Amino acid sequence: MKTQIASTGLFPTFGRLNLVYTILILVNQVLIAYLVPFKLTFMISGEEWFYVYYDIALDFLFFADILIRFNTPIYLEGRYVTNRKQIALTYLKTWFILDLLCCLPLSYLRKQSETRPRG
């Protein structure tokens, strides 16, 4: 199976690279789970630029996640699928829209709107 994945150029579903990637995504999701309620509770006057930059970095990470998901083999109907077209169609039908919405730079847009004059 490893030979098949290596020959297709797909992102490995096992191994050290996948483990590091999974841990990186997991740590950031845990941080988000704590930061979002903290920001909503204690930041009344406005968001600090540090959090905006962190959110922008996360947006890039989640965009990279979209690219990786398009290139990662999947299990579908009890078999291991390495056909890129079938992987892409399955991803587009399931999580793609939600993942794409996560990439929107909402913190940056909100912070920029604070500095614009209203009137």
PDB file of N, CA and C in Angstrom:
ATOM      1  N   MET A   1       0.827  -1.189   0.000  1.00  0.00           N
ATOM      2  CA  MET A   1       0.000   0.000   0.000  1.00  0.00           C
ATOM      3  C   MET A   1       0.872   1.254   0.000  1.00  0.00           C
ATOM      4  N   LYS A   2       1.989   1.256   0.755  1.00  0.00           N
ATOM      5  CA  LYS A   2       2.868   2.419   0.779  1.00  0.00           C
ATOM      6  C   LYS A   2       3.456   2.689  -0.596  1.00  0.00           C
ATOM      7  N   THR A   3       3.776   1.642  -1.328  1.00  0.00           N
ATOM      8  CA  THR A   3       4.321   1.800  -2.674  1.00  0.00           C
ATOM      9  C   THR A   3       3.294   2.434  -3.588  1.00  0.00           C
ATOM     10  N   GLN A   4       2.043   2.057  -3.437  1.00  0.00           N
ATOM     11  CA  GLN A   4       0.984   2.614  -4.273  1.00  0.00           C
ATOM     12  C   GLN A   4       0.811   4.104  -3.992  1.00  0.00           C
ATOM     13  N   ILE A   5       0.827   4.506  -2.728  1.00  0.00           N
ATOM     14  CA  ILE A   5       0.671   5.920  -2.377  1.00  0.00           C
ATOM     15  C   ILE A   5       1.865   6.721  -2.871  1.00  0.00           C
ATOM     16  N   ALA A   6       3.073   6.184  -2.706  1.00  0.00           N
ATOM     17  CA  ALA A   6       4.265   6.893  -3.155  1.00  0.00           C
ATOM     18  C   ALA A   6       4.253   7.090  -4.664  1.00  0.00           C
ATOM     19  N   SER A   7       3.765   6.124  -5.388  1.00  0.00           N
ATOM     20  CA  SER A   7       3.755   6.244  -6.848  1.00  0.00           C
ATOM     21  C   SER A   7       2.679   7.210  -7.340  1.00  0.00           C
ATOM     22  N   THR A   8       1.626   7.444  -6.571  1.00  0.00           N
ATOM     23  CA  THR A   8       0.570   8.365  -6.987  1.00  0.00           C
ATOM     24  C   THR A   8       0.866   9.797  -6.572  1.00  0.00           C
ATOM     25  N   GLY A   9       1.800  10.008  -5.655  1.00  0.00           N
ATOM     26  CA  GLY A   9       2.125  11.349  -5.190  1.00  0.00           C
ATOM     27  C   GLY A   9       1.120  11.904  -4.208  1.00  0.00           C
ATOM     28  N   LEU A  10       0.302  11.067  -3.611  1.00  0.00           N
ATOM     29  CA  LEU A  10      -0.703  11.508  -2.652  1.00  0.00           C
ATOM     30  C   LEU A  10      -0.085  11.676  -1.272  1.00  0.00           C
ATOM     31  N   PHE A  11      -0.751  12.471  -0.432  1.00  0.00           N
ATOM     32  CA  PHE A  11      -0.315  12.673   0.945  1.00  0.00           C
ATOM     33  C   PHE A  11      -0.501  11.364   1.703  1.00  0.00           C
ATOM     34  N   PRO A  12       0.498  10.932   2.476  1.00  0.00           N
ATOM     35  CA  PRO A  12       0.374   9.634   3.148  1.00  0.00           C
ATOM     36  C   PRO A  12      -0.683   9.663   4.250  1.00  0.00           C
ATOM     37  N   THR A  13      -1.413   8.567   4.378  1.00  0.00           N
ATOM     38  CA  THR A  13      -2.410   8.469   5.446  1.00  0.00           C
ATOM     39  C   THR A  13      -1.823   7.862   6.705  1.00  0.00           C
ATOM     40  N   PHE A  14      -0.584   7.388   6.634  1.00  0.00           N
ATOM     41  CA  PHE A  14       0.117   6.818   7.779  1.00  0.00           C
ATOM     42  C   PHE A  14       1.525   7.397   7.798  1.00  0.00           C
ATOM     43  N   GLY A  15       2.208   7.229   8.892  1.00  0.00           N
ATOM     44  CA  GLY A  15       3.604   7.640   8.946  1.00  0.00           C
ATOM     45  C   GLY A  15       3.830   8.918   9.731  1.00  0.00           C
ATOM     46  N   ARG A  16       5.078   9.311   9.778  1.00  0.00           N
ATOM     47  CA  ARG A  16       5.496  10.451  10.595  1.00  0.00           C
ATOM     48  C   ARG A  16       4.938  11.770  10.081  1.00  0.00           C
ATOM     49  N   LEU A  17       4.953  11.988   8.769  1.00  0.00           N
ATOM     50  CA  LEU A  17       4.446  13.236   8.202  1.00  0.00           C
ATOM     51  C   LEU A  17       2.971  13.428   8.538  1.00  0.00           C
ATOM     52  N   ASN A  18       2.184  12.396   8.401  1.00  0.00           N
ATOM     53  CA  ASN A  18       0.766  12.486   8.732  1.00  0.00           C
ATOM     54  C   ASN A  18       0.568  12.728  10.228  1.00  0.00           C
ATOM     55  N   LEU A  19       1.386  12.108  11.059  1.00  0.00           N
ATOM     56  CA  LEU A  19       1.277  12.295  12.506  1.00  0.00           C
ATOM     57  C   LEU A  19       1.574  13.740  12.893  1.00  0.00           C
ATOM     58  N   VAL A  20       2.629  14.310  12.342  1.00  0.00           N
ATOM     59  CA  VAL A  20       2.978  15.707  12.642  1.00  0.00           C
ATOM     60  C   VAL A  20       1.871  16.642  12.166  1.00  0.00           C
ATOM     61  N   TYR A  21       1.371  16.399  10.968  1.00  0.00           N
ATOM     62  CA  TYR A  21       0.296  17.221  10.426  1.00  0.00           C
ATOM     63  C   TYR A  21      -0.963  17.129  11.295  1.00  0.00           C
ATOM     64  N   THR A  22      -1.324  15.933  11.697  1.00  0.00           N
ATOM     65  CA  THR A  22      -2.517  15.737  12.527  1.00  0.00           C
ATOM     66  C   THR A  22      -2.371  16.422  13.878  1.00  0.00           C
ATOM     67  N   ILE A  23      -1.204  16.329  14.482  1.00  0.00           N
ATOM     68  CA  ILE A  23      -0.965  16.990  15.769  1.00  0.00           C
ATOM     69  C   ILE A  23      -1.035  18.502  15.617  1.00  0.00           C
ATOM     70  N   LEU A  24      -0.475  19.046  14.540  1.00  0.00           N
ATOM     71  CA  LEU A  24      -0.531  20.489  14.291  1.00  0.00           C
ATOM     72  C   LEU A  24      -1.972  20.966  14.172  1.00  0.00           C
ATOM     73  N   ILE A  25      -2.774  20.259  13.412  1.00  0.00           N
ATOM     74  CA  ILE A  25      -4.183  20.634  13.259  1.00  0.00           C
ATOM     75  C   ILE A  25      -4.920  20.504  14.597  1.00  0.00           C
ATOM     76  N   LEU A  26      -4.669  19.433  15.328  1.00  0.00           N
ATOM     77  CA  LEU A  26      -5.347  19.203  16.600  1.00  0.00           C
ATOM     78  C   LEU A  26      -5.008  20.284  17.625  1.00  0.00           C
ATOM     79  N   VAL A  27      -3.749  20.647  17.739  1.00  0.00           N
ATOM     80  CA  VAL A  27      -3.339  21.682  18.697  1.00  0.00           C
ATOM     81  C   VAL A  27      -4.018  23.005  18.353  1.00  0.00           C
ATOM     82  N   ASN A  28      -4.061  23.346  17.081  1.00  0.00           N
ATOM     83  CA  ASN A  28      -4.712  24.599  16.698  1.00  0.00           C
ATOM     84  C   ASN A  28      -6.212  24.564  16.930  1.00  0.00           C
ATOM     85  N   GLN A  29      -6.847  23.431  16.748  1.00  0.00           N
ATOM     86  CA  GLN A  29      -8.274  23.338  17.023  1.00  0.00           C
ATOM     87  C   GLN A  29      -8.570  23.468  18.511  1.00  0.00           C
ATOM     88  N   VAL A  30      -7.710  22.917  19.344  1.00  0.00           N
ATOM     89  CA  VAL A  30      -7.877  23.065  20.797  1.00  0.00           C
ATOM     90  C   VAL A  30      -7.692  24.529  21.192  1.00  0.00           C
ATOM     91  N   LEU A  31      -6.682  25.191  20.620  1.00  0.00           N
ATOM     92  CA  LEU A  31      -6.476  26.616  20.911  1.00  0.00           C
ATOM     93  C   LEU A  31      -7.688  27.442  20.484  1.00  0.00           C
ATOM     94  N   ILE A  32      -8.241  27.136  19.349  1.00  0.00           N
ATOM     95  CA  ILE A  32      -9.422  27.857  18.881  1.00  0.00           C
ATOM     96  C   ILE A  32     -10.591  27.634  19.831  1.00  0.00           C
ATOM     97  N   ALA A  33     -10.733  26.414  20.324  1.00  0.00           N
ATOM     98  CA  ALA A  33     -11.832  26.095  21.238  1.00  0.00           C
ATOM     99  C   ALA A  33     -11.741  26.911  22.530  1.00  0.00           C
ATOM    100  N   TYR A  34     -10.538  27.313  22.916  1.00  0.00           N
ATOM    101  CA  TYR A  34     -10.375  28.141  24.108  1.00  0.00           C
ATOM    102  C   TYR A  34     -10.341  29.629  23.773  1.00  0.00           C
ATOM    103  N   LEU A  35      -9.772  30.014  22.653  1.00  0.00           N
ATOM    104  CA  LEU A  35      -9.640  31.428  22.315  1.00  0.00           C
ATOM    105  C   LEU A  35     -10.954  32.079  21.933  1.00  0.00           C
ATOM    106  N   VAL A  36     -11.787  31.391  21.191  1.00  0.00           N
ATOM    107  CA  VAL A  36     -13.039  32.008  20.735  1.00  0.00           C
ATOM    108  C   VAL A  36     -13.930  32.399  21.911  1.00  0.00           C
ATOM    109  N   PRO A  37     -14.214  31.518  22.866  1.00  0.00           N
ATOM    110  CA  PRO A  37     -15.022  31.968  24.016  1.00  0.00           C
ATOM    111  C   PRO A  37     -14.320  33.053  24.838  1.00  0.00           C
ATOM    112  N   PHE A  38     -12.979  32.975  24.950  1.00  0.00           N
ATOM    113  CA  PHE A  38     -12.233  34.005  25.679  1.00  0.00           C
ATOM    114  C   PHE A  38     -12.390  35.360  25.004  1.00  0.00           C
ATOM    115  N   LYS A  39     -12.224  35.391  23.684  1.00  0.00           N
ATOM    116  CA  LYS A  39     -12.345  36.660  22.965  1.00  0.00           C
ATOM    117  C   LYS A  39     -13.766  37.208  23.048  1.00  0.00           C
ATOM    118  N   LEU A  40     -14.753  36.338  22.947  1.00  0.00           N
ATOM    119  CA  LEU A  40     -16.139  36.790  23.016  1.00  0.00           C
ATOM    120  C   LEU A  40     -16.513  37.299  24.404  1.00  0.00           C
ATOM    121  N   THR A  41     -15.881  36.746  25.435  1.00  0.00           N
ATOM    122  CA  THR A  41     -16.218  37.122  26.799  1.00  0.00           C
ATOM    123  C   THR A  41     -15.489  38.371  27.275  1.00  0.00           C
ATOM    124  N   PHE A  42     -14.193  38.463  27.006  1.00  0.00           N
ATOM    125  CA  PHE A  42     -13.381  39.495  27.642  1.00  0.00           C
ATOM    126  C   PHE A  42     -12.934  40.632  26.732  1.00  0.00           C
ATOM    127  N   MET A  43     -13.070  40.532  25.451  1.00  0.00           N
ATOM    128  CA  MET A  43     -12.620  41.596  24.551  1.00  0.00           C
ATOM    129  C   MET A  43     -13.814  42.398  24.063  1.00  0.00           C
ATOM    130  N   ILE A  44     -14.201  43.358  24.856  1.00  0.00           N
ATOM    131  CA  ILE A  44     -15.379  44.151  24.541  1.00  0.00           C
ATOM    132  C   ILE A  44     -15.032  45.278  23.573  1.00  0.00           C
ATOM    133  N   SER A  45     -13.892  45.967  23.794  1.00  0.00           N
ATOM    134  CA  SER A  45     -13.573  47.151  23.005  1.00  0.00           C
ATOM    135  C   SER A  45     -13.062  46.836  21.606  1.00  0.00           C
ATOM    136  N   GLY A  46     -12.448  45.704  21.404  1.00  0.00           N
ATOM    137  CA  GLY A  46     -11.918  45.370  20.089  1.00  0.00           C
ATOM    138  C   GLY A  46     -10.890  44.262  20.200  1.00  0.00           C
ATOM    139  N   GLU A  47     -10.559  43.709  19.081  1.00  0.00           N
ATOM    140  CA  GLU A  47      -9.644  42.588  19.047  1.00  0.00           C
ATOM    141  C   GLU A  47      -8.215  43.095  18.879  1.00  0.00           C
ATOM    142  N   GLU A  48      -7.288  42.497  19.611  1.00  0.00           N
ATOM    143  CA  GLU A  48      -5.885  42.857  19.488  1.00  0.00           C
ATOM    144  C   GLU A  48      -5.337  42.332  18.167  1.00  0.00           C
ATOM    145  N   TRP A  49      -4.321  43.004  17.635  1.00  0.00           N
ATOM    146  CA  TRP A  49      -3.736  42.582  16.370  1.00  0.00           C
ATOM    147  C   TRP A  49      -3.085  41.220  16.470  1.00  0.00           C
ATOM    148  N   PHE A  50      -2.584  40.836  17.658  1.00  0.00           N
ATOM    149  CA  PHE A  50      -1.983  39.506  17.814  1.00  0.00           C
ATOM    150  C   PHE A  50      -2.977  38.416  17.428  1.00  0.00           C
ATOM    151  N   TYR A  51      -4.206  38.543  17.903  1.00  0.00           N
ATOM    152  CA  TYR A  51      -5.230  37.545  17.597  1.00  0.00           C
ATOM    153  C   TYR A  51      -5.608  37.569  16.114  1.00  0.00           C
ATOM    154  N   VAL A  52      -5.582  38.751  15.528  1.00  0.00           N
ATOM    155  CA  VAL A  52      -5.883  38.870  14.101  1.00  0.00           C
ATOM    156  C   VAL A  52      -4.814  38.145  13.295  1.00  0.00           C
ATOM    157  N   TYR A  53      -3.537  38.364  13.645  1.00  0.00           N
ATOM    158  CA  TYR A  53      -2.446  37.694  12.931  1.00  0.00           C
ATOM    159  C   TYR A  53      -2.490  36.179  13.144  1.00  0.00           C
ATOM    160  N   TYR A  54      -2.835  35.761  14.335  1.00  0.00           N
ATOM    161  CA  TYR A  54      -2.968  34.328  14.600  1.00  0.00           C
ATOM    162  C   TYR A  54      -4.097  33.729  13.756  1.00  0.00           C
ATOM    163  N   ASP A  55      -5.201  34.442  13.656  1.00  0.00           N
ATOM    164  CA  ASP A  55      -6.324  33.970  12.829  1.00  0.00           C
ATOM    165  C   ASP A  55      -5.944  33.914  11.351  1.00  0.00           C
ATOM    166  N   ILE A  56      -5.148  34.874  10.894  1.00  0.00           N
ATOM    167  CA  ILE A  56      -4.690  34.846   9.500  1.00  0.00           C
ATOM    168  C   ILE A  56      -3.796  33.634   9.266  1.00  0.00           C
ATOM    169  N   ALA A  57      -2.903  33.345  10.216  1.00  0.00           N
ATOM    170  CA  ALA A  57      -2.045  32.163  10.100  1.00  0.00           C
ATOM    171  C   ALA A  57      -2.896  30.894  10.069  1.00  0.00           C
ATOM    172  N   LEU A  58      -3.943  30.852  10.881  1.00  0.00           N
ATOM    173  CA  LEU A  58      -4.851  29.698  10.865  1.00  0.00           C
ATOM    174  C   LEU A  58      -5.598  29.590   9.546  1.00  0.00           C
ATOM    175  N   ASP A  59      -5.956  30.722   8.969  1.00  0.00           N
ATOM    176  CA  ASP A  59      -6.624  30.691   7.665  1.00  0.00           C
ATOM    177  C   ASP A  59      -5.721  30.049   6.617  1.00  0.00           C
ATOM    178  N   PHE A  60      -4.424  30.383   6.639  1.00  0.00           N
ATOM    179  CA  PHE A  60      -3.489  29.756   5.707  1.00  0.00           C
ATOM    180  C   PHE A  60      -3.336  28.267   6.003  1.00  0.00           C
ATOM    181  N   LEU A  61      -3.313  27.915   7.291  1.00  0.00           N
ATOM    182  CA  LEU A  61      -3.207  26.510   7.665  1.00  0.00           C
ATOM    183  C   LEU A  61      -4.423  25.725   7.184  1.00  0.00           C
ATOM    184  N   PHE A  62      -5.601  26.285   7.335  1.00  0.00           N
ATOM    185  CA  PHE A  62      -6.809  25.597   6.891  1.00  0.00           C
ATOM    186  C   PHE A  62      -6.902  25.548   5.371  1.00  0.00           C
ATOM    187  N   PHE A  63      -6.342  26.560   4.678  1.00  0.00           N
ATOM    188  CA  PHE A  63      -6.287  26.479   3.223  1.00  0.00           C
ATOM    189  C   PHE A  63      -5.342  25.356   2.787  1.00  0.00           C
ATOM    190  N   ALA A  64      -4.215  25.235   3.493  1.00  0.00           N
ATOM    191  CA  ALA A  64      -3.302  24.118   3.211  1.00  0.00           C
ATOM    192  C   ALA A  64      -4.004  22.793   3.486  1.00  0.00           C
ATOM    193  N   ASP A  65      -4.847  22.762   4.509  1.00  0.00           N
ATOM    194  CA  ASP A  65      -5.607  21.558   4.815  1.00  0.00           C
ATOM    195  C   ASP A  65      -6.531  21.185   3.657  1.00  0.00           C
ATOM    196  N   ILE A  66      -7.125  22.179   3.010  1.00  0.00           N
ATOM    197  CA  ILE A  66      -7.972  21.896   1.846  1.00  0.00           C
ATOM    198  C   ILE A  66      -7.148  21.240   0.745  1.00  0.00           C
ATOM    199  N   LEU A  67      -5.973  21.792   0.477  1.00  0.00           N
ATOM    200  CA  LEU A  67      -5.110  21.214  -0.555  1.00  0.00           C
ATOM    201  C   LEU A  67      -4.684  19.795  -0.197  1.00  0.00           C
ATOM    202  N   ILE A  68      -4.398  19.568   1.072  1.00  0.00           N
ATOM    203  CA  ILE A  68      -3.999  18.227   1.515  1.00  0.00           C
ATOM    204  C   ILE A  68      -5.163  17.258   1.401  1.00  0.00           C
ATOM    205  N   ARG A  69      -6.355  17.693   1.765  1.00  0.00           N
ATOM    206  CA  ARG A  69      -7.537  16.814   1.676  1.00  0.00           C
ATOM    207  C   ARG A  69      -7.833  16.392   0.245  1.00  0.00           C
ATOM    208  N   PHE A  70      -7.571  17.279  -0.711  1.00  0.00           N
ATOM    209  CA  PHE A  70      -7.749  16.911  -2.112  1.00  0.00           C
ATOM    210  C   PHE A  70      -6.731  15.878  -2.567  1.00  0.00           C
ATOM    211  N   ASN A  71      -5.653  15.724  -1.817  1.00  0.00           N
ATOM    212  CA  ASN A  71      -4.562  14.833  -2.206  1.00  0.00           C
ATOM    213  C   ASN A  71      -4.285  13.744  -1.180  1.00  0.00           C
ATOM    214  N   THR A  72      -5.287  13.362  -0.411  1.00  0.00           N
ATOM    215  CA  THR A  72      -5.144  12.301   0.575  1.00  0.00           C
ATOM    216  C   THR A  72      -6.069  11.146   0.218  1.00  0.00           C
ATOM    217  N   PRO A  73      -5.550   9.927   0.154  1.00  0.00           N
ATOM    218  CA  PRO A  73      -6.417   8.776  -0.123  1.00  0.00           C
ATOM    219  C   PRO A  73      -7.504   8.632   0.938  1.00  0.00           C
ATOM    220  N   ILE A  74      -8.635   8.074   0.546  1.00  0.00           N
ATOM    221  CA  ILE A  74      -9.759   7.910   1.463  1.00  0.00           C
ATOM    222  C   ILE A  74     -10.249   6.471   1.432  1.00  0.00           C
ATOM    223  N   TYR A  75     -10.976   6.113   2.487  1.00  0.00           N
ATOM    224  CA  TYR A  75     -11.697   4.844   2.492  1.00  0.00           C
ATOM    225  C   TYR A  75     -13.118   5.130   2.062  1.00  0.00           C
ATOM    226  N   LEU A  76     -13.554   4.439   1.041  1.00  0.00           N
ATOM    227  CA  LEU A  76     -14.889   4.656   0.513  1.00  0.00           C
ATOM    228  C   LEU A  76     -15.496   3.307   0.170  1.00  0.00           C
ATOM    229  N   GLU A  77     -16.628   3.021   0.778  1.00  0.00           N
ATOM    230  CA  GLU A  77     -17.349   1.768   0.561  1.00  0.00           C
ATOM    231  C   GLU A  77     -16.451   0.554   0.796  1.00  0.00           C
ATOM    232  N   GLY A  78     -15.663   0.605   1.848  1.00  0.00           N
ATOM    233  CA  GLY A  78     -14.840  -0.528   2.245  1.00  0.00           C
ATOM    234  C   GLY A  78     -13.567  -0.735   1.457  1.00  0.00           C
ATOM    235  N   ARG A  79     -13.189   0.246   0.634  1.00  0.00           N
ATOM    236  CA  ARG A  79     -11.940   0.089  -0.114  1.00  0.00           C
ATOM    237  C   ARG A  79     -11.133   1.381  -0.038  1.00  0.00           C
ATOM    238  N   TYR A  80      -9.852   1.247  -0.293  1.00  0.00           N
ATOM    239  CA  TYR A  80      -8.905   2.352  -0.234  1.00  0.00           C
ATOM    240  C   TYR A  80      -8.867   3.022  -1.606  1.00  0.00           C
ATOM    241  N   VAL A  81      -9.278   4.289  -1.703  1.00  0.00           N
ATOM    242  CA  VAL A  81      -9.388   4.984  -2.980  1.00  0.00           C
ATOM    243  C   VAL A  81      -8.204   5.923  -3.165  1.00  0.00           C
ATOM    244  N   THR A  82      -7.478   5.757  -4.276  1.00  0.00           N
ATOM    245  CA  THR A  82      -6.358   6.646  -4.607  1.00  0.00           C
ATOM    246  C   THR A  82      -6.604   7.417  -5.899  1.00  0.00           C
ATOM    247  N   ASN A  83      -7.771   7.288  -6.480  1.00  0.00           N
ATOM    248  CA  ASN A  83      -8.132   8.016  -7.691  1.00  0.00           C
ATOM    249  C   ASN A  83      -8.435   9.468  -7.309  1.00  0.00           C
ATOM    250  N   ARG A  84      -7.631  10.407  -7.825  1.00  0.00           N
ATOM    251  CA  ARG A  84      -7.768  11.819  -7.442  1.00  0.00           C
ATOM    252  C   ARG A  84      -9.153  12.385  -7.775  1.00  0.00           C
ATOM    253  N   LYS A  85      -9.735  11.989  -8.888  1.00  0.00           N
ATOM    254  CA  LYS A  85     -11.049  12.501  -9.265  1.00  0.00           C
ATOM    255  C   LYS A  85     -12.103  12.055  -8.262  1.00  0.00           C
ATOM    256  N   GLN A  86     -12.053  10.816  -7.861  1.00  0.00           N
ATOM    257  CA  GLN A  86     -13.026  10.300  -6.894  1.00  0.00           C
ATOM    258  C   GLN A  86     -12.811  10.926  -5.510  1.00  0.00           C
ATOM    259  N   ILE A  87     -11.547  11.145  -5.144  1.00  0.00           N
ATOM    260  CA  ILE A  87     -11.239  11.815  -3.874  1.00  0.00           C
ATOM    261  C   ILE A  87     -11.819  13.232  -3.891  1.00  0.00           C
ATOM    262  N   ALA A  88     -11.574  13.955  -4.979  1.00  0.00           N
ATOM    263  CA  ALA A  88     -12.053  15.337  -5.080  1.00  0.00           C
ATOM    264  C   ALA A  88     -13.574  15.404  -5.057  1.00  0.00           C
ATOM    265  N   LEU A  89     -14.248  14.529  -5.800  1.00  0.00           N
ATOM    266  CA  LEU A  89     -15.711  14.546  -5.808  1.00  0.00           C
ATOM    267  C   LEU A  89     -16.288  14.239  -4.428  1.00  0.00           C
ATOM    268  N   THR A  90     -15.692  13.277  -3.741  1.00  0.00           N
ATOM    269  CA  THR A  90     -16.161  12.939  -2.399  1.00  0.00           C
ATOM    270  C   THR A  90     -15.964  14.108  -1.443  1.00  0.00           C
ATOM    271  N   TYR A  91     -14.801  14.751  -1.520  1.00  0.00           N
ATOM    272  CA  TYR A  91     -14.516  15.893  -0.644  1.00  0.00           C
ATOM    273  C   TYR A  91     -15.434  17.077  -0.962  1.00  0.00           C
ATOM    274  N   LEU A  92     -15.668  17.342  -2.233  1.00  0.00           N
ATOM    275  CA  LEU A  92     -16.554  18.438  -2.617  1.00  0.00           C
ATOM    276  C   LEU A  92     -17.980  18.212  -2.126  1.00  0.00           C
ATOM    277  N   LYS A  93     -18.409  16.965  -2.071  1.00  0.00           N
ATOM    278  CA  LYS A  93     -19.766  16.650  -1.623  1.00  0.00           C
ATOM    279  C   LYS A  93     -19.902  16.666  -0.108  1.00  0.00           C
ATOM    280  N   THR A  94     -18.802  16.569   0.626  1.00  0.00           N
ATOM    281  CA  THR A  94     -18.906  16.446   2.075  1.00  0.00           C
ATOM    282  C   THR A  94     -18.459  17.714   2.810  1.00  0.00           C
ATOM    283  N   TRP A  95     -17.178  17.910   3.028  1.00  0.00           N
ATOM    284  CA  TRP A  95     -16.670  18.938   3.921  1.00  0.00           C
ATOM    285  C   TRP A  95     -16.112  20.177   3.242  1.00  0.00           C
ATOM    286  N   PHE A  96     -16.041  20.211   1.939  1.00  0.00           N
ATOM    287  CA  PHE A  96     -15.341  21.291   1.249  1.00  0.00           C
ATOM    288  C   PHE A  96     -15.920  22.669   1.560  1.00  0.00           C
ATOM    289  N   ILE A  97     -17.228  22.824   1.503  1.00  0.00           N
ATOM    290  CA  ILE A  97     -17.847  24.141   1.724  1.00  0.00           C
ATOM    291  C   ILE A  97     -17.545  24.651   3.130  1.00  0.00           C
ATOM    292  N   LEU A  98     -17.668  23.796   4.125  1.00  0.00           N
ATOM    293  CA  LEU A  98     -17.361  24.227   5.497  1.00  0.00           C
ATOM    294  C   LEU A  98     -15.885  24.561   5.669  1.00  0.00           C
ATOM    295  N   ASP A  99     -15.011  23.766   5.074  1.00  0.00           N
ATOM    296  CA  ASP A  99     -13.581  24.054   5.151  1.00  0.00           C
ATOM    297  C   ASP A  99     -13.243  25.363   4.447  1.00  0.00           C
ATOM    298  N   LEU A 100     -13.898  25.640   3.347  1.00  0.00           N
ATOM    299  CA  LEU A 100     -13.661  26.883   2.623  1.00  0.00           C
ATOM    300  C   LEU A 100     -14.135  28.086   3.433  1.00  0.00           C
ATOM    301  N   LEU A 101     -15.257  27.956   4.108  1.00  0.00           N
ATOM    302  CA  LEU A 101     -15.750  29.041   4.961  1.00  0.00           C
ATOM    303  C   LEU A 101     -14.791  29.334   6.111  1.00  0.00           C
ATOM    304  N   CYS A 102     -14.095  28.306   6.593  1.00  0.00           N
ATOM    305  CA  CYS A 102     -13.124  28.501   7.672  1.00  0.00           C
ATOM    306  C   CYS A 102     -11.917  29.311   7.217  1.00  0.00           C
ATOM    307  N   CYS A 103     -11.696  29.404   5.925  1.00  0.00           N
ATOM    308  CA  CYS A 103     -10.536  30.137   5.397  1.00  0.00           C
ATOM    309  C   CYS A 103     -10.807  31.629   5.215  1.00  0.00           C
ATOM    310  N   LEU A 104     -12.028  32.063   5.398  1.00  0.00           N
ATOM    311  CA  LEU A 104     -12.322  33.484   5.220  1.00  0.00           C
ATOM    312  C   LEU A 104     -11.635  34.302   6.309  1.00  0.00           C
ATOM    313  N   PRO A 105     -10.983  35.393   5.955  1.00  0.00           N
ATOM    314  CA  PRO A 105     -10.254  36.213   6.946  1.00  0.00           C
ATOM    315  C   PRO A 105     -11.181  37.164   7.697  1.00  0.00           C
ATOM    316  N   LEU A 106     -12.116  36.608   8.448  1.00  0.00           N
ATOM    317  CA  LEU A 106     -13.123  37.426   9.114  1.00  0.00           C
ATOM    318  C   LEU A 106     -12.527  38.335  10.182  1.00  0.00           C
ATOM    319  N   SER A 107     -11.545  37.881  10.936  1.00  0.00           N
ATOM    320  CA  SER A 107     -10.919  38.716  11.966  1.00  0.00           C
ATOM    321  C   SER A 107     -10.252  39.932  11.346  1.00  0.00           C
ATOM    322  N   TYR A 108      -9.558  39.710  10.247  1.00  0.00           N
ATOM    323  CA  TYR A 108      -8.889  40.821   9.566  1.00  0.00           C
ATOM    324  C   TYR A 108      -9.903  41.824   9.030  1.00  0.00           C
ATOM    325  N   LEU A 109     -10.957  41.342   8.416  1.00  0.00           N
ATOM    326  CA  LEU A 109     -11.985  42.242   7.886  1.00  0.00           C
ATOM    327  C   LEU A 109     -12.670  43.022   9.005  1.00  0.00           C
ATOM    328  N   ARG A 110     -12.936  42.351  10.121  1.00  0.00           N
ATOM    329  CA  ARG A 110     -13.559  43.019  11.259  1.00  0.00           C
ATOM    330  C   ARG A 110     -12.636  44.085  11.833  1.00  0.00           C
ATOM    331  N   LYS A 111     -11.344  43.775  11.949  1.00  0.00           N
ATOM    332  CA  LYS A 111     -10.367  44.734  12.494  1.00  0.00           C
ATOM    333  C   LYS A 111     -10.206  45.918  11.546  1.00  0.00           C
ATOM    334  N   GLN A 112     -10.183  45.669  10.240  1.00  0.00           N
ATOM    335  CA  GLN A 112     -10.079  46.767   9.277  1.00  0.00           C
ATOM    336  C   GLN A 112     -11.323  47.663   9.301  1.00  0.00           C
ATOM    337  N   SER A 113     -12.487  47.058   9.545  1.00  0.00           N
ATOM    338  CA  SER A 113     -13.706  47.866   9.576  1.00  0.00           C
ATOM    339  C   SER A 113     -13.748  48.763  10.801  1.00  0.00           C
ATOM    340  N   GLU A 114     -13.009  48.415  11.863  1.00  0.00           N
ATOM    341  CA  GLU A 114     -12.953  49.269  13.052  1.00  0.00           C
ATOM    342  C   GLU A 114     -12.205  50.559  12.767  1.00  0.00           C
ATOM    343  N   THR A 115     -11.220  50.523  11.874  1.00  0.00           N
ATOM    344  CA  THR A 115     -10.398  51.695  11.604  1.00  0.00           C
ATOM    345  C   THR A 115     -11.004  52.609  10.535  1.00  0.00           C
ATOM    346  N   ARG A 116     -11.993  52.155   9.806  1.00  0.00           N
ATOM    347  CA  ARG A 116     -12.611  52.951   8.747  1.00  0.00           C
ATOM    348  C   ARG A 116     -13.623  53.924   9.354  1.00  0.00           C
ATOM    349  N   PRO A 117     -13.643  55.140   8.862  1.00  0.00           N
ATOM    350  CA  PRO A 117     -14.640  56.099   9.373  1.00  0.00           C
ATOM    351  C   PRO A 117     -16.052  55.697   8.944  1.00  0.00           C
ATOM    352  N   ARG A 118     -16.979  55.886   9.822  1.00  0.00           N
ATOM    353  CA  ARG A 118     -18.382  55.595   9.521  1.00  0.00           C
ATOM    354  C   ARG A 118     -19.087  56.896   9.220  1.00  0.00           C
ATOM    355  N   GLY A 119     -20.012  56.803   8.338  1.00  0.00           N
ATOM    356  CA  GLY A 119     -20.700  58.064   8.120  1.00  0.00           C
ATOM    357  C   GLY A 119     -21.385  58.115   6.884  1.00  0.00           C
TER     358      GLY A 119
END
